[in-house]
Amino acid sequence: MNDTVTPGIGTLIYASTALPAAPTDTAYAGLTWTAVGEVTEVPEYGGSAEVVNHTPLATGITQKYHGAVNYGSMQIPLAFNSTDAGQAILEAARKNRNRIAFKIAFPKIDPLSTEGAADYFQGKVFGFTKSAPANGVVSGSVTVEIETELTSVEEA
């Protein structure tokens, strides 16, 4: 077993309607966070740059440069819970179109550490959908467009 690999079980997504004064781990840590309940997966997230190509006629070799950065989006699957405070924050953010702060907290690897690793970012909720399968619970997904670079904190 590799003790440096973090298991997915125990990962939580939090939301805050307040934004940090600066994109630092200390500023994010000072916010009031509300857990988003019934999340079934944290999908892949993070930024990527467009590829800008330039091919000089003299060489015919394509040179590649970093273009505009898009911090990406997330489709967060969850089971709908009408009394969950975290889900209520996401639905309100969708309706009012305001940017909110997010925290993805990973479980502790080291039992002696005080906190596990976390990623912080800001984004807007563009969708909150529901579905009702015959052999399952009322579920859906939340679409988050990430607007800032990740601020990552290692396990303490």
N, C-alpha and C. Protein backbone atom coordinates (compact mmCIF):
# COMPACT_ATOMS: atom_id res chain seq x y z
N MET A 1 0.83 -1.18 0.00
CA MET A 1 0.00 0.00 0.00
C MET A 1 0.88 1.25 0.00
N ASN A 2 0.50 2.23 -0.78
CA ASN A 2 1.24 3.48 -0.87
C ASN A 2 0.60 4.49 0.08
N ASP A 3 1.32 4.88 1.13
CA ASP A 3 0.77 5.78 2.14
C ASP A 3 0.75 7.24 1.70
N THR A 4 1.29 7.54 0.53
CA THR A 4 1.27 8.93 0.06
C THR A 4 0.13 9.18 -0.93
N VAL A 5 -0.66 8.17 -1.23
CA VAL A 5 -1.80 8.33 -2.12
C VAL A 5 -3.03 8.62 -1.26
N THR A 6 -3.80 9.64 -1.63
CA THR A 6 -4.97 10.03 -0.85
C THR A 6 -6.21 9.32 -1.37
N PRO A 7 -6.95 8.64 -0.52
CA PRO A 7 -8.20 8.02 -0.96
C PRO A 7 -9.27 9.08 -1.20
N GLY A 8 -10.19 8.78 -2.11
CA GLY A 8 -11.27 9.72 -2.41
C GLY A 8 -12.32 9.79 -1.31
N ILE A 9 -12.57 8.66 -0.64
CA ILE A 9 -13.58 8.64 0.42
C ILE A 9 -13.17 9.61 1.52
N GLY A 10 -14.08 10.48 1.90
CA GLY A 10 -13.79 11.47 2.93
C GLY A 10 -13.55 12.85 2.36
N THR A 11 -13.47 12.97 1.03
CA THR A 11 -13.31 14.28 0.40
C THR A 11 -14.62 15.04 0.48
N LEU A 12 -14.55 16.32 0.82
CA LEU A 12 -15.74 17.15 0.96
C LEU A 12 -15.61 18.42 0.14
N ILE A 13 -16.75 18.89 -0.38
CA ILE A 13 -16.81 20.19 -1.06
C ILE A 13 -17.55 21.16 -0.14
N TYR A 14 -16.97 22.33 0.02
CA TYR A 14 -17.57 23.38 0.83
C TYR A 14 -17.81 24.61 -0.05
N ALA A 15 -18.78 25.42 0.35
CA ALA A 15 -19.07 26.68 -0.34
C ALA A 15 -19.14 27.80 0.68
N SER A 16 -18.78 29.00 0.21
CA SER A 16 -18.88 30.20 1.05
C SER A 16 -19.37 31.35 0.18
N THR A 17 -20.35 32.08 0.68
CA THR A 17 -20.83 33.23 -0.06
C THR A 17 -19.89 34.42 0.07
N ALA A 18 -19.00 34.39 1.05
CA ALA A 18 -18.00 35.44 1.21
C ALA A 18 -16.80 35.12 0.33
N LEU A 19 -16.12 36.15 -0.12
CA LEU A 19 -14.91 35.97 -0.91
C LEU A 19 -13.71 36.43 -0.09
N PRO A 20 -12.54 35.80 -0.30
CA PRO A 20 -11.37 36.21 0.46
C PRO A 20 -10.85 37.57 0.00
N ALA A 21 -10.17 38.28 0.89
CA ALA A 21 -9.58 39.57 0.55
C ALA A 21 -8.44 39.40 -0.44
N ALA A 22 -7.80 38.24 -0.41
CA ALA A 22 -6.69 37.91 -1.32
C ALA A 22 -6.74 36.40 -1.57
N PRO A 23 -6.18 35.95 -2.69
CA PRO A 23 -6.22 34.51 -2.98
C PRO A 23 -5.10 33.74 -2.26
N THR A 24 -5.09 33.83 -0.94
CA THR A 24 -4.07 33.13 -0.14
C THR A 24 -4.74 32.08 0.74
N ASP A 25 -3.96 31.11 1.15
CA ASP A 25 -4.53 30.06 2.00
C ASP A 25 -5.04 30.64 3.32
N THR A 26 -4.37 31.65 3.86
CA THR A 26 -4.81 32.26 5.12
C THR A 26 -6.14 32.98 4.94
N ALA A 27 -6.28 33.72 3.84
CA ALA A 27 -7.53 34.45 3.59
C ALA A 27 -8.68 33.48 3.37
N TYR A 28 -8.44 32.42 2.60
CA TYR A 28 -9.49 31.43 2.39
C TYR A 28 -9.86 30.73 3.69
N ALA A 29 -8.85 30.41 4.52
CA ALA A 29 -9.11 29.70 5.77
C ALA A 29 -9.97 30.53 6.72
N GLY A 30 -9.95 31.84 6.59
CA GLY A 30 -10.72 32.71 7.46
C GLY A 30 -12.19 32.82 7.10
N LEU A 31 -12.59 32.24 5.97
CA LEU A 31 -14.00 32.31 5.56
C LEU A 31 -14.85 31.32 6.35
N THR A 32 -16.14 31.55 6.38
CA THR A 32 -17.08 30.60 6.97
C THR A 32 -17.52 29.64 5.87
N TRP A 33 -17.30 28.36 6.09
CA TRP A 33 -17.56 27.33 5.08
C TRP A 33 -18.77 26.49 5.44
N THR A 34 -19.55 26.10 4.43
CA THR A 34 -20.69 25.21 4.60
C THR A 34 -20.49 24.01 3.69
N ALA A 35 -20.54 22.81 4.26
CA ALA A 35 -20.36 21.60 3.45
C ALA A 35 -21.55 21.41 2.51
N VAL A 36 -21.26 20.98 1.30
CA VAL A 36 -22.29 20.63 0.33
C VAL A 36 -22.56 19.14 0.50
N GLY A 37 -23.78 18.80 0.90
CA GLY A 37 -24.11 17.41 1.21
C GLY A 37 -24.43 16.56 0.00
N GLU A 38 -24.27 15.28 0.17
CA GLU A 38 -24.68 14.25 -0.80
C GLU A 38 -23.90 14.26 -2.10
N VAL A 39 -22.70 14.85 -2.11
CA VAL A 39 -21.86 14.84 -3.31
C VAL A 39 -21.35 13.41 -3.53
N THR A 40 -21.46 12.91 -4.75
CA THR A 40 -21.06 11.54 -5.03
C THR A 40 -19.73 11.43 -5.76
N GLU A 41 -19.20 12.56 -6.24
CA GLU A 41 -17.91 12.55 -6.94
C GLU A 41 -17.40 13.98 -7.05
N VAL A 42 -16.09 14.14 -6.93
CA VAL A 42 -15.47 15.41 -7.27
C VAL A 42 -14.81 15.18 -8.63
N PRO A 43 -15.38 15.76 -9.68
CA PRO A 43 -14.81 15.53 -11.01
C PRO A 43 -13.49 16.26 -11.20
N GLU A 44 -12.80 15.93 -12.25
CA GLU A 44 -11.54 16.57 -12.59
C GLU A 44 -11.74 18.08 -12.72
N TYR A 45 -10.78 18.85 -12.23
CA TYR A 45 -10.86 20.31 -12.29
C TYR A 45 -9.47 20.90 -12.36
N GLY A 46 -9.39 22.14 -12.79
CA GLY A 46 -8.11 22.85 -12.86
C GLY A 46 -7.96 23.55 -14.20
N GLY A 47 -7.01 24.43 -14.27
CA GLY A 47 -6.84 25.26 -15.45
C GLY A 47 -6.00 24.63 -16.54
N SER A 48 -6.20 25.15 -17.75
CA SER A 48 -5.36 24.77 -18.88
C SER A 48 -5.29 25.95 -19.84
N ALA A 49 -4.17 26.04 -20.54
CA ALA A 49 -3.96 27.13 -21.48
C ALA A 49 -4.25 26.66 -22.90
N GLU A 50 -4.77 27.56 -23.71
CA GLU A 50 -4.93 27.27 -25.13
C GLU A 50 -3.55 27.19 -25.75
N VAL A 51 -3.42 26.39 -26.80
CA VAL A 51 -2.17 26.28 -27.52
C VAL A 51 -2.20 27.27 -28.68
N VAL A 52 -1.19 28.14 -28.72
CA VAL A 52 -1.05 29.10 -29.81
C VAL A 52 0.07 28.58 -30.70
N ASN A 53 -0.26 28.30 -31.94
CA ASN A 53 0.71 27.75 -32.88
C ASN A 53 1.27 28.84 -33.80
N HIS A 54 2.56 28.71 -34.13
CA HIS A 54 3.20 29.59 -35.09
C HIS A 54 4.16 28.73 -35.92
N THR A 55 3.97 28.74 -37.23
CA THR A 55 4.83 27.95 -38.11
C THR A 55 5.54 28.87 -39.09
N PRO A 56 6.81 29.18 -38.82
CA PRO A 56 7.56 30.02 -39.75
C PRO A 56 7.79 29.30 -41.08
N LEU A 57 7.65 30.01 -42.17
CA LEU A 57 7.87 29.41 -43.48
C LEU A 57 9.31 28.95 -43.65
N ALA A 58 10.25 29.64 -43.01
CA ALA A 58 11.66 29.31 -43.18
C ALA A 58 12.00 27.90 -42.70
N THR A 59 11.33 27.44 -41.61
CA THR A 59 11.66 26.12 -41.06
C THR A 59 10.56 25.10 -41.25
N GLY A 60 9.31 25.55 -41.30
CA GLY A 60 8.19 24.61 -41.38
C GLY A 60 7.95 23.86 -40.08
N ILE A 61 8.61 24.29 -39.02
CA ILE A 61 8.44 23.64 -37.71
C ILE A 61 7.49 24.48 -36.87
N THR A 62 6.46 23.83 -36.37
CA THR A 62 5.46 24.53 -35.57
C THR A 62 6.01 24.81 -34.18
N GLN A 63 5.96 26.08 -33.82
CA GLN A 63 6.33 26.49 -32.47
C GLN A 63 5.05 26.64 -31.68
N LYS A 64 5.09 26.33 -30.41
CA LYS A 64 3.89 26.38 -29.58
C LYS A 64 4.11 27.29 -28.38
N TYR A 65 3.06 28.09 -28.12
CA TYR A 65 3.10 29.05 -27.02
C TYR A 65 1.84 28.89 -26.17
N HIS A 66 1.95 29.33 -24.95
CA HIS A 66 0.78 29.33 -24.08
C HIS A 66 -0.14 30.50 -24.44
N GLY A 67 -1.42 30.21 -24.60
CA GLY A 67 -2.40 31.25 -24.87
C GLY A 67 -3.23 31.54 -23.64
N ALA A 68 -4.46 31.95 -23.87
CA ALA A 68 -5.37 32.29 -22.79
C ALA A 68 -5.61 31.09 -21.87
N VAL A 69 -5.73 31.38 -20.58
CA VAL A 69 -5.96 30.33 -19.58
C VAL A 69 -7.45 30.26 -19.25
N ASN A 70 -7.97 29.05 -19.23
CA ASN A 70 -9.34 28.79 -18.79
C ASN A 70 -9.22 27.87 -17.58
N TYR A 71 -9.76 28.29 -16.46
CA TYR A 71 -9.63 27.49 -15.24
C TYR A 71 -10.60 26.33 -15.19
N GLY A 72 -11.42 26.18 -16.20
CA GLY A 72 -12.24 24.99 -16.34
C GLY A 72 -13.59 25.08 -15.65
N SER A 73 -14.24 23.94 -15.64
CA SER A 73 -15.56 23.83 -15.03
C SER A 73 -15.68 22.47 -14.37
N MET A 74 -16.71 22.33 -13.55
CA MET A 74 -16.98 21.06 -12.86
C MET A 74 -18.46 20.74 -12.99
N GLN A 75 -18.76 19.50 -13.25
CA GLN A 75 -20.13 18.98 -13.18
C GLN A 75 -20.16 18.10 -11.93
N ILE A 76 -20.66 18.62 -10.84
CA ILE A 76 -20.63 17.92 -9.56
C ILE A 76 -21.91 17.09 -9.40
N PRO A 77 -21.81 15.75 -9.43
CA PRO A 77 -23.01 14.94 -9.23
C PRO A 77 -23.34 14.84 -7.74
N LEU A 78 -24.65 14.86 -7.44
CA LEU A 78 -25.07 14.74 -6.05
C LEU A 78 -26.49 14.20 -5.97
N ALA A 79 -26.85 13.75 -4.79
CA ALA A 79 -28.23 13.38 -4.49
C ALA A 79 -28.90 14.63 -3.95
N PHE A 80 -30.05 14.99 -4.48
CA PHE A 80 -30.73 16.21 -4.08
C PHE A 80 -31.24 16.11 -2.64
N ASN A 81 -31.00 17.16 -1.86
CA ASN A 81 -31.47 17.23 -0.48
C ASN A 81 -31.99 18.65 -0.25
N SER A 82 -33.29 18.80 -0.17
CA SER A 82 -33.91 20.13 -0.08
C SER A 82 -33.59 20.86 1.23
N THR A 83 -33.06 20.15 2.24
CA THR A 83 -32.75 20.80 3.51
C THR A 83 -31.25 21.01 3.71
N ASP A 84 -30.44 20.69 2.71
CA ASP A 84 -28.99 20.81 2.85
C ASP A 84 -28.56 22.26 2.65
N ALA A 85 -27.88 22.84 3.64
CA ALA A 85 -27.47 24.24 3.58
C ALA A 85 -26.46 24.50 2.47
N GLY A 86 -25.56 23.57 2.22
CA GLY A 86 -24.57 23.73 1.16
C GLY A 86 -25.22 23.74 -0.22
N GLN A 87 -26.17 22.84 -0.44
CA GLN A 87 -26.89 22.83 -1.71
C GLN A 87 -27.70 24.12 -1.88
N ALA A 88 -28.23 24.64 -0.79
CA ALA A 88 -28.99 25.90 -0.84
C ALA A 88 -28.09 27.06 -1.27
N ILE A 89 -26.84 27.08 -0.79
CA ILE A 89 -25.90 28.13 -1.20
C ILE A 89 -25.64 28.04 -2.70
N LEU A 90 -25.47 26.82 -3.22
CA LEU A 90 -25.21 26.65 -4.65
C LEU A 90 -26.41 27.08 -5.49
N GLU A 91 -27.61 26.72 -5.06
CA GLU A 91 -28.81 27.11 -5.80
C GLU A 91 -29.00 28.63 -5.76
N ALA A 92 -28.74 29.25 -4.62
CA ALA A 92 -28.85 30.71 -4.52
C ALA A 92 -27.81 31.39 -5.42
N ALA A 93 -26.61 30.82 -5.48
CA ALA A 93 -25.56 31.39 -6.34
C ALA A 93 -25.94 31.27 -7.81
N ARG A 94 -26.63 30.20 -8.17
CA ARG A 94 -27.10 30.06 -9.55
C ARG A 94 -28.11 31.15 -9.87
N LYS A 95 -29.02 31.38 -8.93
CA LYS A 95 -30.09 32.36 -9.16
C LYS A 95 -29.57 33.80 -9.18
N ASN A 96 -28.67 34.14 -8.25
CA ASN A 96 -28.22 35.53 -8.17
C ASN A 96 -26.98 35.82 -9.03
N ARG A 97 -26.39 34.78 -9.60
CA ARG A 97 -25.26 34.90 -10.54
C ARG A 97 -24.00 35.48 -9.91
N ASN A 98 -23.89 35.39 -8.60
CA ASN A 98 -22.71 35.91 -7.90
C ASN A 98 -21.60 34.88 -7.84
N ARG A 99 -20.39 35.39 -7.82
CA ARG A 99 -19.21 34.52 -7.61
C ARG A 99 -19.19 34.12 -6.15
N ILE A 100 -18.86 32.86 -5.89
CA ILE A 100 -18.70 32.37 -4.52
C ILE A 100 -17.37 31.63 -4.41
N ALA A 101 -16.98 31.32 -3.18
CA ALA A 101 -15.74 30.60 -2.93
C ALA A 101 -16.02 29.12 -2.71
N PHE A 102 -15.09 28.29 -3.12
CA PHE A 102 -15.20 26.84 -2.96
C PHE A 102 -13.95 26.30 -2.27
N LYS A 103 -14.16 25.25 -1.50
CA LYS A 103 -13.06 24.54 -0.86
C LYS A 103 -13.28 23.06 -1.10
N ILE A 104 -12.26 22.39 -1.60
CA ILE A 104 -12.30 20.94 -1.71
C ILE A 104 -11.30 20.42 -0.70
N ALA A 105 -11.81 19.75 0.32
CA ALA A 105 -10.98 19.26 1.42
C ALA A 105 -10.78 17.76 1.27
N PHE A 106 -9.53 17.37 1.21
CA PHE A 106 -9.18 15.95 1.08
C PHE A 106 -8.96 15.34 2.45
N PRO A 107 -9.19 14.04 2.59
CA PRO A 107 -9.00 13.42 3.90
C PRO A 107 -7.53 13.42 4.33
N LYS A 108 -7.31 13.39 5.63
CA LYS A 108 -5.96 13.36 6.17
C LYS A 108 -5.30 12.01 5.83
N ILE A 109 -4.05 12.07 5.41
CA ILE A 109 -3.26 10.85 5.19
C ILE A 109 -2.54 10.49 6.48
N ASP A 110 -1.93 11.50 7.08
CA ASP A 110 -1.15 11.33 8.31
C ASP A 110 -2.07 11.53 9.52
N PRO A 111 -2.28 10.51 10.34
CA PRO A 111 -3.18 10.66 11.49
C PRO A 111 -2.71 11.70 12.50
N LEU A 112 -1.44 12.11 12.45
CA LEU A 112 -0.92 13.11 13.37
C LEU A 112 -1.12 14.53 12.86
N SER A 113 -1.50 14.68 11.59
CA SER A 113 -1.68 16.03 11.05
C SER A 113 -2.99 16.63 11.56
N THR A 114 -3.02 17.95 11.61
CA THR A 114 -4.22 18.63 12.11
C THR A 114 -5.26 18.82 11.01
N GLU A 115 -4.82 18.93 9.76
CA GLU A 115 -5.74 19.11 8.64
C GLU A 115 -5.22 18.36 7.43
N GLY A 116 -6.14 17.94 6.57
CA GLY A 116 -5.76 17.36 5.30
C GLY A 116 -5.48 18.46 4.29
N ALA A 117 -5.10 18.07 3.09
CA ALA A 117 -4.85 19.03 2.02
C ALA A 117 -6.17 19.61 1.53
N ALA A 118 -6.11 20.79 0.92
CA ALA A 118 -7.32 21.44 0.39
C ALA A 118 -6.98 22.28 -0.82
N ASP A 119 -7.95 22.42 -1.71
CA ASP A 119 -7.87 23.35 -2.84
C ASP A 119 -8.97 24.38 -2.66
N TYR A 120 -8.61 25.64 -2.88
CA TYR A 120 -9.57 26.73 -2.81
C TYR A 120 -9.65 27.40 -4.19
N PHE A 121 -10.81 27.89 -4.54
CA PHE A 121 -10.98 28.67 -5.77
C PHE A 121 -12.30 29.40 -5.71
N GLN A 122 -12.51 30.28 -6.69
CA GLN A 122 -13.77 31.01 -6.79
C GLN A 122 -14.41 30.71 -8.13
N GLY A 123 -15.73 30.73 -8.15
CA GLY A 123 -16.42 30.45 -9.40
C GLY A 123 -17.89 30.82 -9.31
N LYS A 124 -18.58 30.56 -10.40
CA LYS A 124 -20.01 30.84 -10.47
C LYS A 124 -20.76 29.55 -10.80
N VAL A 125 -21.96 29.44 -10.23
CA VAL A 125 -22.81 28.28 -10.48
C VAL A 125 -23.70 28.61 -11.68
N PHE A 126 -23.57 27.83 -12.73
CA PHE A 126 -24.34 28.07 -13.95
C PHE A 126 -25.49 27.09 -14.11
N GLY A 127 -25.50 26.02 -13.34
CA GLY A 127 -26.60 25.07 -13.46
C GLY A 127 -26.78 24.26 -12.19
N PHE A 128 -28.02 23.89 -11.91
CA PHE A 128 -28.36 23.00 -10.79
C PHE A 128 -29.54 22.18 -11.29
N THR A 129 -29.25 20.98 -11.77
CA THR A 129 -30.28 20.16 -12.41
C THR A 129 -30.66 18.99 -11.51
N LYS A 130 -31.83 18.41 -11.80
CA LYS A 130 -32.33 17.26 -11.03
C LYS A 130 -32.78 16.17 -11.99
N SER A 131 -32.74 14.94 -11.50
CA SER A 131 -33.28 13.80 -12.23
C SER A 131 -33.82 12.80 -11.21
N ALA A 132 -34.72 11.94 -11.65
CA ALA A 132 -35.33 10.95 -10.75
C ALA A 132 -35.36 9.60 -11.46
N PRO A 133 -34.34 8.78 -11.24
CA PRO A 133 -34.32 7.45 -11.87
C PRO A 133 -35.27 6.48 -11.16
N ALA A 134 -35.66 5.45 -11.86
CA ALA A 134 -36.57 4.45 -11.28
C ALA A 134 -35.92 3.68 -10.14
N ASN A 135 -34.65 3.39 -10.26
CA ASN A 135 -33.95 2.60 -9.24
C ASN A 135 -32.88 3.41 -8.53
N GLY A 136 -33.25 4.59 -8.08
CA GLY A 136 -32.27 5.42 -7.39
C GLY A 136 -32.95 6.55 -6.65
N VAL A 137 -32.15 7.49 -6.21
CA VAL A 137 -32.67 8.64 -5.48
C VAL A 137 -32.74 9.84 -6.41
N VAL A 138 -33.51 10.84 -6.02
CA VAL A 138 -33.55 12.08 -6.79
C VAL A 138 -32.15 12.66 -6.74
N SER A 139 -31.58 12.86 -7.90
CA SER A 139 -30.20 13.31 -7.96
C SER A 139 -30.10 14.43 -8.99
N GLY A 140 -28.91 14.81 -9.30
CA GLY A 140 -28.69 15.86 -10.28
C GLY A 140 -27.23 16.24 -10.31
N SER A 141 -26.97 17.41 -10.87
CA SER A 141 -25.60 17.90 -10.90
C SER A 141 -25.59 19.42 -10.84
N VAL A 142 -24.47 19.92 -10.38
CA VAL A 142 -24.25 21.35 -10.26
C VAL A 142 -23.10 21.70 -11.20
N THR A 143 -23.32 22.69 -12.06
CA THR A 143 -22.27 23.13 -12.99
C THR A 143 -21.61 24.37 -12.41
N VAL A 144 -20.30 24.26 -12.17
CA VAL A 144 -19.51 25.36 -11.63
C VAL A 144 -18.47 25.75 -12.67
N GLU A 145 -18.44 27.03 -13.02
CA GLU A 145 -17.39 27.58 -13.88
C GLU A 145 -16.36 28.23 -12.97
N ILE A 146 -15.13 27.72 -13.02
CA ILE A 146 -14.07 28.20 -12.14
C ILE A 146 -13.45 29.45 -12.76
N GLU A 147 -13.32 30.51 -11.95
CA GLU A 147 -12.84 31.79 -12.47
C GLU A 147 -11.48 32.22 -11.93
N THR A 148 -10.92 31.47 -11.00
CA THR A 148 -9.62 31.84 -10.44
C THR A 148 -8.69 30.65 -10.41
N GLU A 149 -7.43 30.94 -10.30
CA GLU A 149 -6.44 29.88 -10.16
C GLU A 149 -6.65 29.18 -8.81
N LEU A 150 -6.31 27.91 -8.75
CA LEU A 150 -6.41 27.16 -7.51
C LEU A 150 -5.39 27.65 -6.49
N THR A 151 -5.79 27.73 -5.24
CA THR A 151 -4.88 27.94 -4.14
C THR A 151 -4.85 26.62 -3.38
N SER A 152 -3.72 25.93 -3.45
CA SER A 152 -3.62 24.60 -2.84
C SER A 152 -2.86 24.67 -1.53
N VAL A 153 -3.36 23.92 -0.54
CA VAL A 153 -2.73 23.85 0.77
C VAL A 153 -2.40 22.38 1.03
N GLU A 154 -1.16 22.14 1.41
CA GLU A 154 -0.74 20.77 1.70
C GLU A 154 -1.19 20.38 3.10
N GLU A 155 -1.20 19.10 3.37
CA GLU A 155 -1.61 18.60 4.68
C GLU A 155 -0.73 19.20 5.77
N ALA A 156 -1.38 19.64 6.86
CA ALA A 156 -0.63 20.27 7.97
C ALA A 156 -0.49 19.32 9.14
